[in-house]
C-alpha atoms as a PDB file:
ATOM      1  CA  MET A   1      91.887  87.265  57.921  1.00  0.00           C
ATOM      2  CA  HIS A   2      88.434  89.404  57.584  1.00  0.00           C
ATOM      3  CA  SER A   3      88.420  93.071  57.558  1.00  0.00           C
ATOM      4  CA  LEU A   4      88.450  95.303  60.943  1.00  0.00           C
ATOM      5  CA  SER A   5      85.313  96.837  61.940  1.00  0.00           C
ATOM      6  CA  LEU A   6      85.445  99.478  64.801  1.00  0.00           C
ATOM      7  CA  LYS A   7      82.024  98.303  65.833  1.00  0.00           C
ATOM      8  CA  ASP A   8      82.845  94.488  66.111  1.00  0.00           C
ATOM      9  CA  ASP A   9      86.777  94.633  66.522  1.00  0.00           C
ATOM     10  CA  GLY A  10      87.305  98.134  68.177  1.00  0.00           C
ATOM     11  CA  VAL A  11      89.508  98.931  65.314  1.00  0.00           C
ATOM     12  CA  THR A  12      89.463  99.963  61.466  1.00  0.00           C
ATOM     13  CA  LEU A  13      91.908 101.249  58.990  1.00  0.00           C
ATOM     14  CA  LEU A  14      91.464 103.976  56.347  1.00  0.00           C
ATOM     15  CA  PRO A  15      94.095 103.765  53.599  1.00  0.00           C
ATOM     16  CA  LYS A  16      95.935 106.764  52.236  1.00  0.00           C
ATOM     17  CA  VAL A  17      93.914 109.416  53.394  1.00  0.00           C
ATOM     18  CA  LEU A  18      96.549 111.926  53.529  1.00  0.00           C
ATOM     19  CA  SER A  19      99.261 112.881  50.950  1.00  0.00           C
ATOM     20  CA  THR A  20     103.011 111.672  51.032  1.00  0.00           C
ATOM     21  CA  ALA A  21     103.979 115.606  50.962  1.00  0.00           C
ATOM     22  CA  ILE A  22     101.685 116.380  54.206  1.00  0.00           C
ATOM     23  CA  CYS A  23     103.194 113.773  56.062  1.00  0.00           C
ATOM     24  CA  ARG A  24     106.665 114.408  55.102  1.00  0.00           C
ATOM     25  CA  ASP A  25     106.358 117.960  56.390  1.00  0.00           C
ATOM     26  CA  CYS A  26     104.992 116.885  59.493  1.00  0.00           C
ATOM     27  CA  LEU A  27     107.806 114.191  60.066  1.00  0.00           C
ATOM     28  CA  LYS A  28     110.188 117.055  59.406  1.00  0.00           C
ATOM     29  CA  ASP A  29     108.954 119.564  61.942  1.00  0.00           C
ATOM     30  CA  LEU A  30     108.678 116.374  64.421  1.00  0.00           C
ATOM     31  CA  LYS A  31     112.409 115.418  63.919  1.00  0.00           C
ATOM     32  CA  ARG A  32     113.322 118.841  64.810  1.00  0.00           C
ATOM     33  CA  MET A  33     111.100 119.319  67.879  1.00  0.00           C
ATOM     34  CA  SER A  34     112.473 116.117  69.266  1.00  0.00           C
ATOM     35  CA  VAL A  35     115.805 117.143  70.151  1.00  0.00           C
ATOM     36  CA  ASP A  36     114.272 120.036  72.078  1.00  0.00           C
ATOM     37  CA  HIS A  37     114.108 118.372  76.006  1.00  0.00           C
ATOM     38  CA  ASN A  38     111.653 120.924  76.817  1.00  0.00           C
ATOM     39  CA  LEU A  39     108.792 119.400  74.484  1.00  0.00           C
ATOM     40  CA  VAL A  40     109.380 115.660  74.977  1.00  0.00           C
ATOM     41  CA  THR A  41     108.867 112.938  77.387  1.00  0.00           C
ATOM     42  CA  ARG A  42     111.555 110.113  76.705  1.00  0.00           C
ATOM     43  CA  SER A  43     111.584 106.407  77.457  1.00  0.00           C
ATOM     44  CA  PRO A  44     113.686 103.888  76.523  1.00  0.00           C
ATOM     45  CA  TYR A  45     113.398 103.353  72.295  1.00  0.00           C
ATOM     46  CA  SER A  46     110.577 105.596  72.435  1.00  0.00           C
ATOM     47  CA  THR A  47     110.179 109.507  72.250  1.00  0.00           C
ATOM     48  CA  HIS A  48     106.889 111.328  73.039  1.00  0.00           C
ATOM     49  CA  ILE A  49     105.719 115.095  72.028  1.00  0.00           C
ATOM     50  CA  HIS A  50     102.577 116.009  73.458  1.00  0.00           C
ATOM     51  CA  ASN A  51     100.179 119.225  71.775  1.00  0.00           C
ATOM     52  CA  ALA A  52     102.663 119.025  68.826  1.00  0.00           C
ATOM     53  CA  PHE A  53     100.395 121.016  66.753  1.00  0.00           C
ATOM     54  CA  LEU A  54     101.163 123.581  69.013  1.00  0.00           C
ATOM     55  CA  PHE A  55     104.627 124.032  68.121  1.00  0.00           C
ATOM     56  CA  SER A  56     104.215 123.129  63.888  1.00  0.00           C
ATOM     57  CA  SER A  57     101.943 125.021  61.632  1.00  0.00           C
ATOM     58  CA  ASN A  58     102.116 122.007  59.478  1.00  0.00           C
ATOM     59  CA  ILE A  59     100.970 119.502  61.885  1.00  0.00           C
ATOM     60  CA  ARG A  60      98.381 122.546  62.888  1.00  0.00           C
ATOM     61  CA  ASP A  61      97.487 122.570  59.185  1.00  0.00           C
ATOM     62  CA  LEU A  62      97.021 118.803  59.611  1.00  0.00           C
ATOM     63  CA  LEU A  63      94.554 118.738  62.325  1.00  0.00           C
ATOM     64  CA  SER A  64      92.038 121.052  60.980  1.00  0.00           C
ATOM     65  CA  SER A  65      92.430 119.863  57.475  1.00  0.00           C
ATOM     66  CA  PRO A  66      89.575 118.657  55.406  1.00  0.00           C
ATOM     67  CA  GLU A  67      90.315 115.236  55.616  1.00  0.00           C
ATOM     68  CA  ILE A  68      90.309 115.104  59.295  1.00  0.00           C
ATOM     69  CA  ALA A  69      87.400 117.197  59.635  1.00  0.00           C
ATOM     70  CA  ASN A  70      85.386 114.965  57.272  1.00  0.00           C
ATOM     71  CA  ILE A  71      86.554 111.858  59.399  1.00  0.00           C
ATOM     72  CA  TYR A  72      85.397 113.628  62.384  1.00  0.00           C
ATOM     73  CA  LYS A  73      81.912 114.606  61.135  1.00  0.00           C
ATOM     74  CA  ASP A  74      81.202 111.262  59.328  1.00  0.00           C
ATOM     75  CA  TYR A  75      82.325 109.146  62.633  1.00  0.00           C
ATOM     76  CA  PHE A  76      81.741 111.478  65.660  1.00  0.00           C
ATOM     77  CA  GLY A  77      79.085 113.700  64.826  1.00  0.00           C
ATOM     78  CA  ASP A  78      79.560 117.186  66.466  1.00  0.00           C
ATOM     79  CA  MET A  79      79.480 116.215  70.015  1.00  0.00           C
ATOM     80  CA  TYR A  80      83.272 115.192  70.360  1.00  0.00           C
ATOM     81  CA  ILE A  81      86.373 117.560  71.582  1.00  0.00           C
ATOM     82  CA  LEU A  82      89.999 116.870  71.469  1.00  0.00           C
ATOM     83  CA  ARG A  83      91.240 115.169  74.897  1.00  0.00           C
ATOM     84  CA  ASN A  84      94.723 114.514  73.763  1.00  0.00           C
ATOM     85  CA  PHE A  85      97.347 114.702  71.311  1.00  0.00           C
ATOM     86  CA  VAL A  86     100.491 112.854  71.221  1.00  0.00           C
ATOM     87  CA  ALA A  87     103.474 112.232  68.427  1.00  0.00           C
ATOM     88  CA  SER A  88     105.481 109.054  69.204  1.00  0.00           C
ATOM     89  CA  THR A  89     107.836 107.176  67.983  1.00  0.00           C
ATOM     90  CA  ILE A  90     109.712 104.073  68.423  1.00  0.00           C
ATOM     91  CA  SER A  91     113.647 103.816  67.479  1.00  0.00           C
ATOM     92  CA  ARG A  92     116.621 102.119  69.055  1.00  0.00           C
ATOM     93  CA  SER A  93     118.527 105.102  68.063  1.00  0.00           C
ATOM     94  CA  LYS A  94     120.723 106.463  70.964  1.00  0.00           C
ATOM     95  CA  GLN A  95     118.320 108.110  73.372  1.00  0.00           C
ATOM     96  CA  PRO A  96     119.482 111.170  76.013  1.00  0.00           C
ATOM     97  CA  GLU A  97     118.627 110.351  79.673  1.00  0.00           C
ATOM     98  CA  ALA A  98     115.435 108.787  79.743  1.00  0.00           C
ATOM     99  CA  ALA A  99     113.079 110.497  82.036  1.00  0.00           C
ATOM    100  CA  LEU A 100     111.014 106.993  82.332  1.00  0.00           C
ATOM    101  CA  GLY A 101     112.685 103.589  83.437  1.00  0.00           C
ATOM    102  CA  LYS A 102     110.335 101.382  81.098  1.00  0.00           C
ATOM    103  CA  PRO A 103     108.900 102.105  77.559  1.00  0.00           C
ATOM    104  CA  ILE A 104     105.731 103.756  77.346  1.00  0.00           C
ATOM    105  CA  GLY A 105     102.580 101.405  76.402  1.00  0.00           C
ATOM    106  CA  HIS A 106     104.503  98.416  75.983  1.00  0.00           C
ATOM    107  CA  THR A 107     102.161  96.084  78.263  1.00  0.00           C
ATOM    108  CA  TRP A 108      98.433  95.406  77.275  1.00  0.00           C
ATOM    109  CA  HIS A 109      96.286  98.523  78.453  1.00  0.00           C
ATOM    110  CA  ARG A 110      93.684 100.500  76.544  1.00  0.00           C
ATOM    111  CA  ASP A 111      93.178 104.448  76.727  1.00  0.00           C
ATOM    112  CA  THR A 112      89.697 105.196  77.520  1.00  0.00           C
ATOM    113  CA  PRO A 113      88.895 107.094  80.680  1.00  0.00           C
ATOM    114  CA  GLN A 114      89.364 105.653  83.849  1.00  0.00           C
ATOM    115  CA  PHE A 115      88.123 106.587  87.319  1.00  0.00           C
ATOM    116  CA  TYR A 116      88.818 104.659  90.607  1.00  0.00           C
ATOM    117  CA  THR A 117      86.667 103.274  93.150  1.00  0.00           C
ATOM    118  CA  HIS A 118      86.944 103.649  97.051  1.00  0.00           C
ATOM    119  CA  ASP A 119      88.424 100.405  97.078  1.00  0.00           C
ATOM    120  CA  ASN A 120      91.124 102.308  94.797  1.00  0.00           C
ATOM    121  CA  LEU A 121      90.174  99.882  91.788  1.00  0.00           C
ATOM    122  CA  SER A 122      90.485 101.516  88.255  1.00  0.00           C
ATOM    123  CA  VAL A 123      86.970 101.225  86.294  1.00  0.00           C
ATOM    124  CA  CYS A 124      87.216 102.283  82.690  1.00  0.00           C
ATOM    125  CA  LEU A 125      84.148 103.757  80.732  1.00  0.00           C
ATOM    126  CA  PRO A 126      82.765 101.121  78.331  1.00  0.00           C
ATOM    127  CA  GLY A 127      83.460 100.835  74.631  1.00  0.00           C
ATOM    128  CA  ALA A 128      81.835 103.146  71.713  1.00  0.00           C
ATOM    129  CA  THR A 129      82.696 105.946  74.079  1.00  0.00           C
ATOM    130  CA  THR A 130      85.771 107.774  73.184  1.00  0.00           C
ATOM    131  CA  PHE A 131      88.131 107.044  70.317  1.00  0.00           C
ATOM    132  CA  GLN A 132      91.205 108.065  68.715  1.00  0.00           C
ATOM    133  CA  LEU A 133      92.897 108.920  65.632  1.00  0.00           C
ATOM    134  CA  ILE A 134      96.023 106.873  64.626  1.00  0.00           C
ATOM    135  CA  ILE A 135      97.865 108.533  61.655  1.00  0.00           C
ATOM    136  CA  ALA A 136     100.926 107.135  60.492  1.00  0.00           C
ATOM    137  CA  LEU A 137     103.402 110.139  59.380  1.00  0.00           C
ATOM    138  CA  GLU A 138     105.950 107.042  58.450  1.00  0.00           C
ATOM    139  CA  ARG A 139     105.332 103.136  57.288  1.00  0.00           C
ATOM    140  CA  THR A 140     105.167 100.657  60.447  1.00  0.00           C
ATOM    141  CA  SER A 141     106.807  97.292  60.216  1.00  0.00           C
ATOM    142  CA  PRO A 142     105.380  94.062  61.905  1.00  0.00           C
ATOM    143  CA  THR A 143     107.978  94.608  64.540  1.00  0.00           C
ATOM    144  CA  ASN A 144     107.167  98.304  65.835  1.00  0.00           C
ATOM    145  CA  SER A 145     103.808  98.426  64.897  1.00  0.00           C
ATOM    146  CA  THR A 146     100.969  98.820  67.335  1.00  0.00           C
ATOM    147  CA  GLU A 147      99.577  95.427  68.253  1.00  0.00           C
ATOM    148  CA  PHE A 148      95.813  94.946  69.604  1.00  0.00           C
ATOM    149  CA  LEU A 149      93.459  92.392  70.531  1.00  0.00           C
ATOM    150  CA  LEU A 150      90.274  92.076  68.467  1.00  0.00           C
ATOM    151  CA  GLN A 151      86.931  92.384  69.765  1.00  0.00           C
ATOM    152  CA  THR A 152      87.896  93.483  73.480  1.00  0.00           C
ATOM    153  CA  ASN A 153      85.968  96.706  73.202  1.00  0.00           C
ATOM    154  CA  ASN A 154      82.860  94.656  73.723  1.00  0.00           C
ATOM    155  CA  ASP A 155      84.356  92.762  76.463  1.00  0.00           C
ATOM    156  CA  HIS A 156      82.568  93.649  79.667  1.00  0.00           C
ATOM    157  CA  SER A 157      84.073  91.073  81.924  1.00  0.00           C
ATOM    158  CA  ILE A 158      87.215  93.244  82.662  1.00  0.00           C
ATOM    159  CA  SER A 159      87.048  96.798  83.752  1.00  0.00           C
ATOM    160  CA  SER A 160      90.249  98.190  84.610  1.00  0.00           C
ATOM    161  CA  HIS A 161      92.772 100.182  82.423  1.00  0.00           C
ATOM    162  CA  ARG A 162      95.446  97.671  82.612  1.00  0.00           C
ATOM    163  CA  MET A 163      94.903  93.682  82.013  1.00  0.00           C
ATOM    164  CA  PRO A 164      95.255  91.798  85.470  1.00  0.00           C
ATOM    165  CA  ALA A 165      98.138  89.384  85.605  1.00  0.00           C
ATOM    166  CA  ASP A 166      95.792  86.902  86.639  1.00  0.00           C
ATOM    167  CA  ASN A 167      93.297  87.544  83.385  1.00  0.00           C
ATOM    168  CA  ASP A 168      95.358  87.351  80.541  1.00  0.00           C
ATOM    169  CA  LEU A 169      92.769  88.401  77.525  1.00  0.00           C
ATOM    170  CA  SER A 170      95.602  87.707  74.712  1.00  0.00           C
ATOM    171  CA  ASN A 171      95.027  83.992  75.228  1.00  0.00           C
ATOM    172  CA  GLN A 172      91.502  84.393  74.508  1.00  0.00           C
ATOM    173  CA  TYR A 173      91.692  87.096  71.878  1.00  0.00           C
ATOM    174  CA  GLU A 174      92.965  86.972  68.461  1.00  0.00           C
ATOM    175  CA  SER A 175      95.847  89.589  68.404  1.00  0.00           C
ATOM    176  CA  ARG A 176      96.960  91.731  65.017  1.00  0.00           C
ATOM    177  CA  LYS A 177      99.489  94.078  64.404  1.00  0.00           C
ATOM    178  CA  LEU A 178      98.303  97.621  62.917  1.00  0.00           C
ATOM    179  CA  ILE A 179     100.331  97.647  59.951  1.00  0.00           C
ATOM    180  CA  MET A 180     100.242 101.146  58.211  1.00  0.00           C
ATOM    181  CA  ASP A 181     101.602 102.826  55.062  1.00  0.00           C
ATOM    182  CA  VAL A 182     102.379 106.790  55.290  1.00  0.00           C
ATOM    183  CA  GLY A 183      98.879 108.636  55.220  1.00  0.00           C
ATOM    184  CA  ASP A 184      97.143 105.586  56.489  1.00  0.00           C
ATOM    185  CA  ILE A 185      94.454 106.513  59.297  1.00  0.00           C
ATOM    186  CA  ALA A 186      93.490 103.905  61.783  1.00  0.00           C
ATOM    187  CA  ILE A 187      90.384 104.617  64.234  1.00  0.00           C
ATOM    188  CA  LEU A 188      90.676 102.999  67.600  1.00  0.00           C
ATOM    189  CA  ASP A 189      88.220 102.491  70.227  1.00  0.00           C
ATOM    190  CA  ASP A 190      90.039 103.316  73.444  1.00  0.00           C
ATOM    191  CA  SER A 191      88.409 100.434  75.156  1.00  0.00           C
ATOM    192  CA  THR A 192      90.414  98.287  72.815  1.00  0.00           C
ATOM    193  CA  PHE A 193      93.334  96.658  74.139  1.00  0.00           C
ATOM    194  CA  HIS A 194      96.642  97.162  72.728  1.00  0.00           C
ATOM    195  CA  ARG A 195     100.431  98.028  73.266  1.00  0.00           C
ATOM    196  CA  ALA A 196     103.336  99.382  71.509  1.00  0.00           C
ATOM    197  CA  GLY A 197     105.564  97.590  69.338  1.00  0.00           C
ATOM    198  CA  LYS A 198     109.388  97.110  69.436  1.00  0.00           C
ATOM    199  CA  PRO A 199     112.385  99.003  67.582  1.00  0.00           C
ATOM    200  CA  ASP A 200     113.200  98.091  63.995  1.00  0.00           C
ATOM    201  CA  GLY A 201     117.213  98.375  63.953  1.00  0.00           C
ATOM    202  CA  ASN A 202     117.432 102.155  63.743  1.00  0.00           C
ATOM    203  CA  SER A 203     114.204 102.958  62.044  1.00  0.00           C
ATOM    204  CA  SER A 204     111.915 105.448  63.489  1.00  0.00           C
ATOM    205  CA  ARG A 205     108.425 105.172  63.329  1.00  0.00           C
ATOM    206  CA  TRP A 206     106.363 108.659  63.981  1.00  0.00           C
ATOM    207  CA  LEU A 207     102.651 108.161  64.329  1.00  0.00           C
ATOM    208  CA  LEU A 208     100.135 111.167  65.465  1.00  0.00           C
ATOM    209  CA  PHE A 209      97.841 109.725  68.457  1.00  0.00           C
ATOM    210  CA  ILE A 210      94.691 112.229  68.226  1.00  0.00           C
ATOM    211  CA  SER A 211      92.037 111.375  71.181  1.00  0.00           C
ATOM    212  CA  PHE A 212      88.548 112.844  71.027  1.00  0.00           C
ATOM    213  CA  VAL A 213      86.217 112.087  74.220  1.00  0.00           C
ATOM    214  CA  PRO A 214      82.300 113.405  74.535  1.00  0.00           C
ATOM    215  CA  TRP A 215      81.910 117.016  75.640  1.00  0.00           C
ATOM    216  CA  PHE A 216      81.046 116.078  79.068  1.00  0.00           C
ATOM    217  CA  ILE A 217      84.530 114.485  79.834  1.00  0.00           C
ATOM    218  CA  GLN A 218      87.322 116.538  81.071  1.00  0.00           C
ATOM    219  CA  PRO A 219      90.216 116.824  78.185  1.00  0.00           C
ATOM    220  CA  TYR A 220      93.892 116.105  79.434  1.00  0.00           C
ATOM    221  CA  PHE A 221      94.804 119.841  78.418  1.00  0.00           C
ATOM    222  CA  LEU A 222      92.591 123.003  78.784  1.00  0.00           C
ATOM    223  CA  TYR A 223      92.351 123.376  74.849  1.00  0.00           C
ATOM    224  CA  LYS A 224      89.673 125.959  75.818  1.00  0.00           C
ATOM    225  CA  GLU A 225      92.150 128.653  76.349  1.00  0.00           C
ATOM    226  CA  ILE A 226      93.644 128.360  72.705  1.00  0.00           C
ATOM    227  CA  GLN A 227      92.093 131.649  71.550  1.00  0.00           C
ATOM    228  CA  SER A 228      93.734 132.024  68.201  1.00  0.00           C
ATOM    229  CA  ALA A 229      91.905 129.032  66.333  1.00  0.00           C
ATOM    230  CA  ASN A 230      89.705 128.704  63.180  1.00  0.00           C
ATOM    231  CA  GLN A 231      86.030 127.283  63.258  1.00  0.00           C
ATOM    232  CA  PHE A 232      87.153 123.452  63.300  1.00  0.00           C
ATOM    233  CA  GLU A 233      89.686 124.153  65.938  1.00  0.00           C
ATOM    234  CA  ARG A 234      86.906 126.115  68.205  1.00  0.00           C
ATOM    235  CA  HIS A 235      84.663 123.266  67.856  1.00  0.00           C
ATOM    236  CA  ILE A 236      87.392 120.492  69.099  1.00  0.00           C
ATOM    237  CA  PHE A 237      88.863 122.395  71.628  1.00  0.00           C
ATOM    238  CA  GLY A 238      85.549 122.727  72.878  1.00  0.00           C
ATOM    239  CA  HIS A 239      84.793 126.604  72.207  1.00  0.00           C
ATOM    240  CA  CYS A 240      81.482 125.860  70.831  1.00  0.00           C
ATOM    241  CA  ILE A 241      80.087 122.892  72.833  1.00  0.00           C
ATOM    242  CA  ASN A 242      76.460 123.382  74.745  1.00  0.00           C
ATOM    243  CA  PRO A 243      74.671 120.578  76.401  1.00  0.00           C
ATOM    244  CA  PRO A 244      72.141 119.080  74.186  1.00  0.00           C
ATOM    245  CA  HIS A 245      68.326 119.751  75.238  1.00  0.00           C
ATOM    246  CA  PRO A 246      67.667 116.548  77.482  1.00  0.00           C
ATOM    247  CA  LEU A 247      64.329 116.003  75.238  1.00  0.00           C
ATOM    248  CA  GLU A 248      66.436 115.920  71.927  1.00  0.00           C
ATOM    249  CA  LYS A 249      68.086 113.027  70.267  1.00  0.00           C
ATOM    250  CA  ILE A 250      71.283 113.141  69.677  1.00  0.00           C
ATOM    251  CA  LYS A 251      71.763 112.782  65.797  1.00  0.00           C
ATOM    252  CA  ASN A 252      74.651 111.870  63.839  1.00  0.00           C
ATOM    253  CA  SER A 253      76.987 111.060  67.311  1.00  0.00           C
ATOM    254  CA  PHE A 254      79.120 107.950  67.211  1.00  0.00           C
ATOM    255  CA  ARG A 255      77.415 106.125  69.733  1.00  0.00           C
ATOM    256  CA  SER A 256      73.953 106.179  67.801  1.00  0.00           C
ATOM    257  CA  GLN A 257      75.795 104.853  64.804  1.00  0.00           C
ATOM    258  CA  LEU A 258      77.038 101.839  66.343  1.00  0.00           C
ATOM    259  CA  SER A 259      73.741 101.279  67.854  1.00  0.00           C
ATOM    260  CA  LEU A 260      72.076 101.232  64.391  1.00  0.00           C
END
């Protein structure tokens, strides 16, 4: 079993980045929010809360914490903005009426932005373009952890968002469970095929998924409209992004680091 490389495998794991106390405070807020029907999207065994940082000072402090800011600077440079922020859990505990009929993310898929051709075919951006942080607020198990396919971020033979039934990449690539402890942070290349885990008894599995894209890609939400923001938030919300000069080399960007 080799160590995970973001460039070669599409994912890397940074252990014990956040303190247990920070994770505990965020977890308490998520459990409070998860009973509010106006904030959540439900499916069998799962609960999703979009933009949870807008409803919790603890989670917002985590988003702009020095730990996250340092990862952003070291891995993404300064040309990336927030695309999406989702808190998610998987649990066998009884759910209210589910809004969706099937579990969210249970099939092989990838989260890189997709476009559609004139023939209505899904086409995704290539690897090393968009990324997401996965933050463990609770320990994951081999059952409920995210599973991914090694090296699919470098596979150019398939361009769609989901794995076609006639091209099962899971038979060609080694799969790995992303087992995480409290405070761990994983960085996932969005072009890596992955799928959600399954419930592990009545245990919950709260993770934060924070997606970043280059400044020229439209995010899911209009974060630019958030006015009360600190300096780091203003940057990732897109308040301060200006296109680089055409002749200026983009330094300290994630793409340039991967090309070394």
